[in-house]
């Protein structure tokens, strides 16, 4: 059995745990205390099949899908220190994900790892909490016979 979705999520957690400056990394965890921060939280979230696949394709045929987990970087710093600190962790995490050979191997030659952007709580009219959502898409070929 080779569930690429599960392999990607497990690898993301390993990468998160190895980021310099991160105290904790979790998967599908809701409440993170101040003592556990800085932390990275990975939520399994969504996956969608490629709409370009023909409808006439057999249900057993390989199909390209894109997984978009929700990934959050959480800090517990003072508001005036948040911007720089959260951007440093974002840069380290993005670099680690995009350059990880194991992730590249999991998505395969017909897949890709793509950084889609980030969103923070640091903006006018928002809270001044140390939280940033980092968006990636992981495209791979789903092969029913591997599941």
N, C-alpha and C. Protein backbone atom coordinates (compact mmCIF):
# COMPACT_ATOMS: atom_id res chain seq x y z
N UNK A 1 0.84 -1.18 0.00
CA UNK A 1 0.00 0.00 0.00
C UNK A 1 0.89 1.25 0.00
N UNK A 2 0.59 2.17 -0.90
CA UNK A 2 1.33 3.43 -1.00
C UNK A 2 0.32 4.56 -1.13
N UNK A 3 -0.14 5.09 -0.02
CA UNK A 3 -1.04 6.24 -0.05
C UNK A 3 -0.18 7.49 -0.05
N UNK A 4 0.00 8.08 -1.22
CA UNK A 4 0.87 9.25 -1.35
C UNK A 4 0.40 10.42 -0.48
N UNK A 5 -0.89 10.57 -0.33
CA UNK A 5 -1.43 11.62 0.53
C UNK A 5 -0.88 11.48 1.95
N UNK A 6 -0.98 10.28 2.51
CA UNK A 6 -0.49 10.04 3.87
C UNK A 6 1.03 10.22 3.95
N UNK A 7 1.74 9.75 2.94
CA UNK A 7 3.20 9.90 2.93
C UNK A 7 3.61 11.37 2.91
N UNK A 8 2.91 12.19 2.14
CA UNK A 8 3.20 13.63 2.09
C UNK A 8 2.96 14.27 3.45
N UNK A 9 1.82 13.97 4.07
CA UNK A 9 1.49 14.56 5.36
C UNK A 9 2.49 14.14 6.45
N UNK A 10 2.88 12.88 6.44
CA UNK A 10 3.88 12.41 7.41
C UNK A 10 5.22 13.12 7.20
N UNK A 11 5.60 13.29 5.95
CA UNK A 11 6.87 13.95 5.64
C UNK A 11 6.83 15.43 6.04
N UNK A 12 5.70 16.10 5.81
CA UNK A 12 5.58 17.50 6.21
C UNK A 12 5.77 17.66 7.72
N UNK A 13 5.23 16.73 8.49
CA UNK A 13 5.41 16.78 9.94
C UNK A 13 6.88 16.60 10.32
N UNK A 14 7.56 15.68 9.66
CA UNK A 14 8.99 15.49 9.91
C UNK A 14 9.78 16.76 9.59
N UNK A 15 9.46 17.37 8.46
CA UNK A 15 10.14 18.61 8.07
C UNK A 15 9.89 19.69 9.12
N UNK A 16 8.62 19.85 9.54
CA UNK A 16 8.26 20.88 10.52
C UNK A 16 9.03 20.68 11.82
N UNK A 17 9.18 19.44 12.25
CA UNK A 17 9.90 19.15 13.49
C UNK A 17 11.38 19.48 13.39
N UNK A 18 11.91 19.54 12.19
CA UNK A 18 13.33 19.82 12.00
C UNK A 18 13.67 21.28 11.75
N UNK A 19 12.68 22.17 11.74
CA UNK A 19 12.93 23.58 11.46
C UNK A 19 13.57 24.26 12.68
N UNK A 20 14.71 24.89 12.45
CA UNK A 20 15.39 25.62 13.52
C UNK A 20 14.46 26.71 14.07
N UNK A 21 14.34 26.76 15.38
CA UNK A 21 13.50 27.77 16.03
C UNK A 21 12.09 27.31 16.33
N UNK A 22 11.71 26.13 15.87
CA UNK A 22 10.37 25.58 16.13
C UNK A 22 10.47 24.66 17.34
N UNK A 23 9.64 24.92 18.34
CA UNK A 23 9.63 24.12 19.56
C UNK A 23 8.81 22.85 19.39
N UNK A 24 7.67 22.95 18.71
CA UNK A 24 6.75 21.82 18.56
C UNK A 24 6.16 21.79 17.16
N UNK A 25 5.82 20.60 16.71
CA UNK A 25 5.10 20.43 15.45
C UNK A 25 4.02 19.37 15.67
N UNK A 26 2.84 19.63 15.14
CA UNK A 26 1.70 18.75 15.36
C UNK A 26 0.93 18.53 14.07
N UNK A 27 0.20 17.44 14.04
CA UNK A 27 -0.70 17.17 12.92
C UNK A 27 -2.11 17.04 13.47
N UNK A 28 -3.02 17.80 12.89
CA UNK A 28 -4.44 17.78 13.25
C UNK A 28 -4.67 18.06 14.73
N UNK A 29 -3.97 19.04 15.25
CA UNK A 29 -4.13 19.44 16.66
C UNK A 29 -4.70 20.84 16.69
N UNK A 30 -5.65 21.06 17.60
CA UNK A 30 -6.36 22.32 17.66
C UNK A 30 -5.75 23.33 18.63
N UNK A 31 -5.63 22.98 19.87
CA UNK A 31 -5.16 23.92 20.89
C UNK A 31 -3.67 23.77 21.12
N UNK A 32 -2.94 24.86 20.94
CA UNK A 32 -1.49 24.88 21.15
C UNK A 32 -1.20 25.92 22.22
N UNK A 33 -0.65 25.49 23.34
CA UNK A 33 -0.38 26.41 24.45
C UNK A 33 0.80 27.33 24.12
N UNK A 34 0.93 28.39 24.89
CA UNK A 34 2.05 29.32 24.71
C UNK A 34 3.39 28.62 24.92
N UNK A 35 3.43 27.65 25.85
CA UNK A 35 4.68 26.94 26.13
C UNK A 35 5.12 26.07 24.96
N UNK A 36 4.19 25.69 24.09
CA UNK A 36 4.51 24.83 22.96
C UNK A 36 4.90 25.64 21.71
N UNK A 37 4.85 26.94 21.79
CA UNK A 37 5.18 27.80 20.66
C UNK A 37 6.61 28.29 20.75
N UNK A 38 7.21 28.58 19.63
CA UNK A 38 6.78 28.54 18.24
C UNK A 38 6.47 27.10 17.81
N UNK A 39 5.39 27.00 17.05
CA UNK A 39 4.93 25.68 16.61
C UNK A 39 4.48 25.74 15.16
N UNK A 40 4.48 24.57 14.53
CA UNK A 40 3.89 24.42 13.20
C UNK A 40 2.82 23.35 13.32
N UNK A 41 1.63 23.66 12.83
CA UNK A 41 0.51 22.74 12.86
C UNK A 41 0.11 22.42 11.43
N UNK A 42 -0.02 21.13 11.14
CA UNK A 42 -0.41 20.67 9.81
C UNK A 42 -1.78 20.00 9.92
N UNK A 43 -2.75 20.52 9.18
CA UNK A 43 -4.09 19.94 9.13
C UNK A 43 -4.27 19.25 7.78
N UNK A 44 -4.77 18.02 7.81
CA UNK A 44 -4.87 17.23 6.58
C UNK A 44 -5.60 17.94 5.45
N UNK A 45 -6.70 18.59 5.74
CA UNK A 45 -7.48 19.41 4.81
C UNK A 45 -7.90 18.70 3.54
N UNK A 46 -7.76 19.36 2.38
CA UNK A 46 -8.47 18.94 1.18
C UNK A 46 -7.59 18.36 0.09
N UNK A 47 -8.26 17.72 -0.84
CA UNK A 47 -7.64 17.16 -2.04
C UNK A 47 -8.68 17.23 -3.14
N UNK A 48 -8.26 17.55 -4.35
CA UNK A 48 -9.19 17.62 -5.48
C UNK A 48 -8.56 16.99 -6.71
N UNK A 49 -9.38 16.29 -7.48
CA UNK A 49 -8.91 15.67 -8.71
C UNK A 49 -8.82 16.73 -9.81
N UNK A 50 -7.94 16.48 -10.77
CA UNK A 50 -7.72 17.38 -11.90
C UNK A 50 -8.95 17.35 -12.81
N UNK A 51 -9.56 18.52 -13.02
CA UNK A 51 -10.75 18.61 -13.88
C UNK A 51 -10.44 18.32 -15.35
N UNK A 52 -9.18 18.33 -15.72
CA UNK A 52 -8.81 18.08 -17.12
C UNK A 52 -8.93 16.59 -17.50
N UNK A 53 -9.05 15.72 -16.51
CA UNK A 53 -9.21 14.29 -16.82
C UNK A 53 -10.54 14.08 -17.54
N UNK A 54 -10.54 13.30 -18.61
CA UNK A 54 -11.80 13.05 -19.32
C UNK A 54 -12.78 12.25 -18.46
N UNK A 55 -14.05 12.55 -18.59
CA UNK A 55 -15.10 11.86 -17.84
C UNK A 55 -15.15 10.39 -18.24
N UNK A 56 -14.79 10.09 -19.46
CA UNK A 56 -14.84 8.72 -19.96
C UNK A 56 -13.72 7.83 -19.41
N UNK A 57 -12.79 8.41 -18.68
CA UNK A 57 -11.67 7.64 -18.12
C UNK A 57 -12.19 6.60 -17.13
N UNK A 58 -11.60 5.44 -17.14
CA UNK A 58 -11.97 4.36 -16.23
C UNK A 58 -11.74 4.79 -14.78
N UNK A 59 -12.60 4.31 -13.89
CA UNK A 59 -12.44 4.66 -12.47
C UNK A 59 -11.17 4.06 -11.88
N UNK A 60 -10.61 3.05 -12.54
CA UNK A 60 -9.37 2.43 -12.06
C UNK A 60 -8.12 3.05 -12.67
N UNK A 61 -8.31 3.98 -13.57
CA UNK A 61 -7.16 4.62 -14.24
C UNK A 61 -6.48 5.59 -13.28
N UNK A 62 -5.17 5.79 -13.42
CA UNK A 62 -4.48 6.79 -12.61
C UNK A 62 -5.09 8.18 -12.84
N UNK A 63 -5.09 8.99 -11.80
CA UNK A 63 -5.68 10.32 -11.89
C UNK A 63 -4.81 11.31 -11.12
N UNK A 64 -4.54 12.44 -11.74
CA UNK A 64 -3.75 13.49 -11.08
C UNK A 64 -4.64 14.21 -10.08
N UNK A 65 -4.14 14.37 -8.86
CA UNK A 65 -4.88 15.07 -7.81
C UNK A 65 -3.95 16.11 -7.18
N UNK A 66 -4.55 17.08 -6.53
CA UNK A 66 -3.78 18.10 -5.81
C UNK A 66 -4.29 18.18 -4.37
N UNK A 67 -3.38 17.99 -3.45
CA UNK A 67 -3.69 18.06 -2.04
C UNK A 67 -3.28 19.43 -1.51
N UNK A 68 -4.13 20.03 -0.68
CA UNK A 68 -3.85 21.35 -0.13
C UNK A 68 -4.05 21.33 1.39
N UNK A 69 -3.07 20.81 2.11
CA UNK A 69 -3.20 20.82 3.57
C UNK A 69 -3.16 22.24 4.10
N UNK A 70 -3.70 22.44 5.29
CA UNK A 70 -3.59 23.74 5.95
C UNK A 70 -2.40 23.66 6.89
N UNK A 71 -1.50 24.62 6.77
CA UNK A 71 -0.29 24.64 7.58
C UNK A 71 -0.21 26.00 8.27
N UNK A 72 -0.02 25.96 9.59
CA UNK A 72 0.03 27.19 10.38
C UNK A 72 1.33 27.28 11.17
N UNK A 73 1.91 28.46 11.15
CA UNK A 73 3.05 28.77 12.00
C UNK A 73 2.49 29.63 13.13
N UNK A 74 2.73 29.21 14.36
CA UNK A 74 2.17 29.89 15.53
C UNK A 74 3.30 30.38 16.43
N UNK A 75 3.24 31.65 16.81
CA UNK A 75 4.23 32.23 17.72
C UNK A 75 3.54 32.73 18.97
N UNK A 76 4.32 33.02 19.98
CA UNK A 76 3.81 33.58 21.21
C UNK A 76 4.57 34.83 21.60
N UNK A 77 5.03 35.59 20.62
CA UNK A 77 5.86 36.78 20.88
C UNK A 77 5.01 38.03 21.08
N UNK A 78 5.66 39.11 21.50
CA UNK A 78 5.00 40.41 21.62
C UNK A 78 4.66 40.91 20.20
N UNK A 79 3.57 41.64 20.05
CA UNK A 79 3.17 42.10 18.71
C UNK A 79 4.29 42.78 17.92
N UNK A 80 5.11 43.59 18.58
CA UNK A 80 6.16 44.31 17.84
C UNK A 80 7.27 43.39 17.37
N UNK A 81 7.37 42.19 17.91
CA UNK A 81 8.40 41.23 17.51
C UNK A 81 7.89 40.17 16.53
N UNK A 82 6.59 40.14 16.30
CA UNK A 82 6.00 39.06 15.52
C UNK A 82 6.42 39.04 14.06
N UNK A 83 6.40 40.18 13.41
CA UNK A 83 6.64 40.22 11.98
C UNK A 83 7.94 39.55 11.57
N UNK A 84 9.02 40.00 12.15
CA UNK A 84 10.33 39.45 11.80
C UNK A 84 10.43 37.98 12.17
N UNK A 85 10.00 37.62 13.36
CA UNK A 85 10.12 36.24 13.83
C UNK A 85 9.31 35.27 12.98
N UNK A 86 8.10 35.63 12.64
CA UNK A 86 7.24 34.72 11.87
C UNK A 86 7.74 34.61 10.42
N UNK A 87 8.28 35.69 9.88
CA UNK A 87 8.82 35.64 8.53
C UNK A 87 10.07 34.78 8.44
N UNK A 88 10.88 34.79 9.48
CA UNK A 88 12.06 33.92 9.51
C UNK A 88 11.64 32.46 9.49
N UNK A 89 10.66 32.09 10.32
CA UNK A 89 10.19 30.70 10.34
C UNK A 89 9.54 30.32 9.03
N UNK A 90 8.77 31.24 8.44
CA UNK A 90 8.15 30.96 7.14
C UNK A 90 9.20 30.66 6.10
N UNK A 91 10.23 31.49 6.04
CA UNK A 91 11.29 31.29 5.04
C UNK A 91 11.98 29.94 5.23
N UNK A 92 12.28 29.60 6.47
CA UNK A 92 12.93 28.31 6.74
C UNK A 92 12.04 27.14 6.33
N UNK A 93 10.76 27.24 6.67
CA UNK A 93 9.84 26.14 6.35
C UNK A 93 9.62 26.02 4.84
N UNK A 94 9.37 27.13 4.18
CA UNK A 94 9.16 27.10 2.72
C UNK A 94 10.37 26.52 2.02
N UNK A 95 11.56 26.96 2.39
CA UNK A 95 12.78 26.43 1.77
C UNK A 95 12.90 24.93 2.01
N UNK A 96 12.64 24.50 3.24
CA UNK A 96 12.77 23.08 3.57
C UNK A 96 11.78 22.23 2.77
N UNK A 97 10.56 22.70 2.61
CA UNK A 97 9.56 21.94 1.85
C UNK A 97 9.92 21.90 0.37
N UNK A 98 10.26 23.04 -0.20
CA UNK A 98 10.51 23.11 -1.64
C UNK A 98 11.79 22.39 -2.07
N UNK A 99 12.71 22.23 -1.15
CA UNK A 99 13.98 21.58 -1.51
C UNK A 99 14.09 20.15 -0.98
N UNK A 100 13.02 19.62 -0.39
CA UNK A 100 13.08 18.29 0.21
C UNK A 100 13.02 17.20 -0.86
N UNK A 101 14.07 16.42 -0.95
CA UNK A 101 14.16 15.35 -1.95
C UNK A 101 13.12 14.26 -1.72
N UNK A 102 12.82 13.95 -0.46
CA UNK A 102 11.83 12.91 -0.19
C UNK A 102 10.44 13.32 -0.67
N UNK A 103 10.05 14.58 -0.45
CA UNK A 103 8.76 15.05 -0.97
C UNK A 103 8.74 14.96 -2.49
N UNK A 104 9.82 15.36 -3.12
CA UNK A 104 9.91 15.27 -4.58
C UNK A 104 9.74 13.84 -5.05
N UNK A 105 10.31 12.93 -4.34
CA UNK A 105 10.19 11.51 -4.68
C UNK A 105 8.76 11.01 -4.49
N UNK A 106 8.10 11.46 -3.43
CA UNK A 106 6.73 11.02 -3.16
C UNK A 106 5.77 11.51 -4.24
N UNK A 107 5.88 12.79 -4.65
CA UNK A 107 4.95 13.31 -5.67
C UNK A 107 5.30 12.76 -7.05
N UNK A 108 6.54 12.34 -7.25
CA UNK A 108 6.94 11.70 -8.50
C UNK A 108 7.19 12.68 -9.63
N UNK A 109 7.60 12.14 -10.76
CA UNK A 109 7.97 12.97 -11.91
C UNK A 109 6.76 13.64 -12.56
N UNK A 110 5.56 13.12 -12.36
CA UNK A 110 4.35 13.74 -12.91
C UNK A 110 3.64 14.63 -11.90
N UNK A 111 4.26 14.84 -10.75
CA UNK A 111 3.67 15.68 -9.71
C UNK A 111 4.53 16.90 -9.45
N UNK A 112 4.11 17.70 -8.50
CA UNK A 112 4.92 18.85 -8.11
C UNK A 112 4.54 19.34 -6.73
N UNK A 113 5.44 20.11 -6.15
CA UNK A 113 5.23 20.79 -4.88
C UNK A 113 5.25 22.26 -5.20
N UNK A 114 4.18 22.96 -4.87
CA UNK A 114 4.07 24.38 -5.24
C UNK A 114 3.71 25.24 -4.04
N UNK A 115 4.51 26.27 -3.81
CA UNK A 115 4.19 27.25 -2.77
C UNK A 115 3.12 28.18 -3.33
N UNK A 116 2.01 28.32 -2.60
CA UNK A 116 0.89 29.13 -3.08
C UNK A 116 0.79 30.49 -2.39
N UNK A 117 1.49 30.68 -1.26
CA UNK A 117 1.44 31.96 -0.57
C UNK A 117 1.19 31.79 0.92
N UNK A 118 0.93 32.93 1.57
CA UNK A 118 0.67 32.88 3.01
C UNK A 118 -0.33 33.97 3.38
N UNK A 119 -0.91 33.84 4.56
CA UNK A 119 -1.82 34.84 5.11
C UNK A 119 -1.55 34.93 6.61
N UNK A 120 -1.48 36.16 7.12
CA UNK A 120 -1.20 36.33 8.54
C UNK A 120 -2.38 37.00 9.23
N UNK A 121 -2.33 36.98 10.54
CA UNK A 121 -3.30 37.70 11.35
C UNK A 121 -2.84 39.15 11.55
N UNK A 122 -1.67 39.49 11.01
CA UNK A 122 -1.09 40.81 11.22
C UNK A 122 -1.50 41.77 10.11
N UNK A 123 -2.62 42.44 10.32
CA UNK A 123 -3.10 43.44 9.36
C UNK A 123 -4.11 44.34 10.07
N UNK A 124 -4.36 45.51 9.49
CA UNK A 124 -5.31 46.45 10.09
C UNK A 124 -6.67 45.76 10.20
N UNK A 125 -7.26 45.86 11.37
CA UNK A 125 -8.57 45.28 11.59
C UNK A 125 -8.53 43.80 11.96
N UNK A 126 -7.35 43.21 11.99
CA UNK A 126 -7.21 41.82 12.39
C UNK A 126 -6.57 41.78 13.77
N UNK A 127 -6.56 40.60 14.36
CA UNK A 127 -5.88 40.47 15.66
C UNK A 127 -4.38 40.55 15.44
N UNK A 128 -3.67 40.85 16.48
CA UNK A 128 -2.21 40.92 16.40
C UNK A 128 -1.61 39.66 17.00
N UNK A 129 -2.12 38.52 16.58
CA UNK A 129 -1.61 37.25 17.07
C UNK A 129 -0.54 36.73 16.12
N UNK A 130 0.37 35.96 16.67
CA UNK A 130 1.44 35.38 15.87
C UNK A 130 0.98 34.12 15.17
N UNK A 131 0.19 34.30 14.12
CA UNK A 131 -0.30 33.16 13.36
C UNK A 131 -0.18 33.46 11.87
N UNK A 132 0.37 32.50 11.15
CA UNK A 132 0.49 32.63 9.70
C UNK A 132 0.09 31.31 9.06
N UNK A 133 -0.80 31.38 8.10
CA UNK A 133 -1.14 30.21 7.29
C UNK A 133 -0.23 30.18 6.07
N UNK A 134 0.43 29.05 5.86
CA UNK A 134 1.33 28.89 4.72
C UNK A 134 0.70 27.88 3.78
N UNK A 135 0.51 28.27 2.52
CA UNK A 135 -0.22 27.43 1.57
C UNK A 135 0.70 26.76 0.55
N UNK A 136 0.52 25.47 0.43
CA UNK A 136 1.20 24.67 -0.58
C UNK A 136 0.17 23.80 -1.27
N UNK A 137 0.47 23.42 -2.50
CA UNK A 137 -0.30 22.35 -3.15
C UNK A 137 0.69 21.26 -3.53
N UNK A 138 0.25 20.04 -3.34
CA UNK A 138 1.06 18.86 -3.64
C UNK A 138 0.30 18.05 -4.67
N UNK A 139 0.75 18.10 -5.91
CA UNK A 139 0.09 17.36 -6.99
C UNK A 139 0.82 16.04 -7.19
N UNK A 140 0.04 14.99 -7.37
CA UNK A 140 0.62 13.67 -7.60
C UNK A 140 -0.38 12.82 -8.37
N UNK A 141 0.06 11.69 -8.84
CA UNK A 141 -0.81 10.78 -9.57
C UNK A 141 -1.34 9.75 -8.59
N UNK A 142 -2.66 9.73 -8.44
CA UNK A 142 -3.32 8.74 -7.59
C UNK A 142 -3.52 7.48 -8.42
N UNK A 143 -2.93 6.41 -7.98
CA UNK A 143 -3.03 5.12 -8.65
C UNK A 143 -3.82 4.16 -7.75
N UNK A 144 -5.07 3.87 -8.11
CA UNK A 144 -5.91 3.03 -7.26
C UNK A 144 -5.27 1.70 -6.85
N UNK A 145 -4.47 1.12 -7.74
CA UNK A 145 -3.85 -0.17 -7.40
C UNK A 145 -2.80 -0.05 -6.30
N UNK A 146 -2.32 1.17 -6.01
CA UNK A 146 -1.33 1.36 -4.94
C UNK A 146 -1.96 1.51 -3.57
N UNK A 147 -3.26 1.80 -3.54
CA UNK A 147 -3.93 2.05 -2.25
C UNK A 147 -4.23 0.76 -1.51
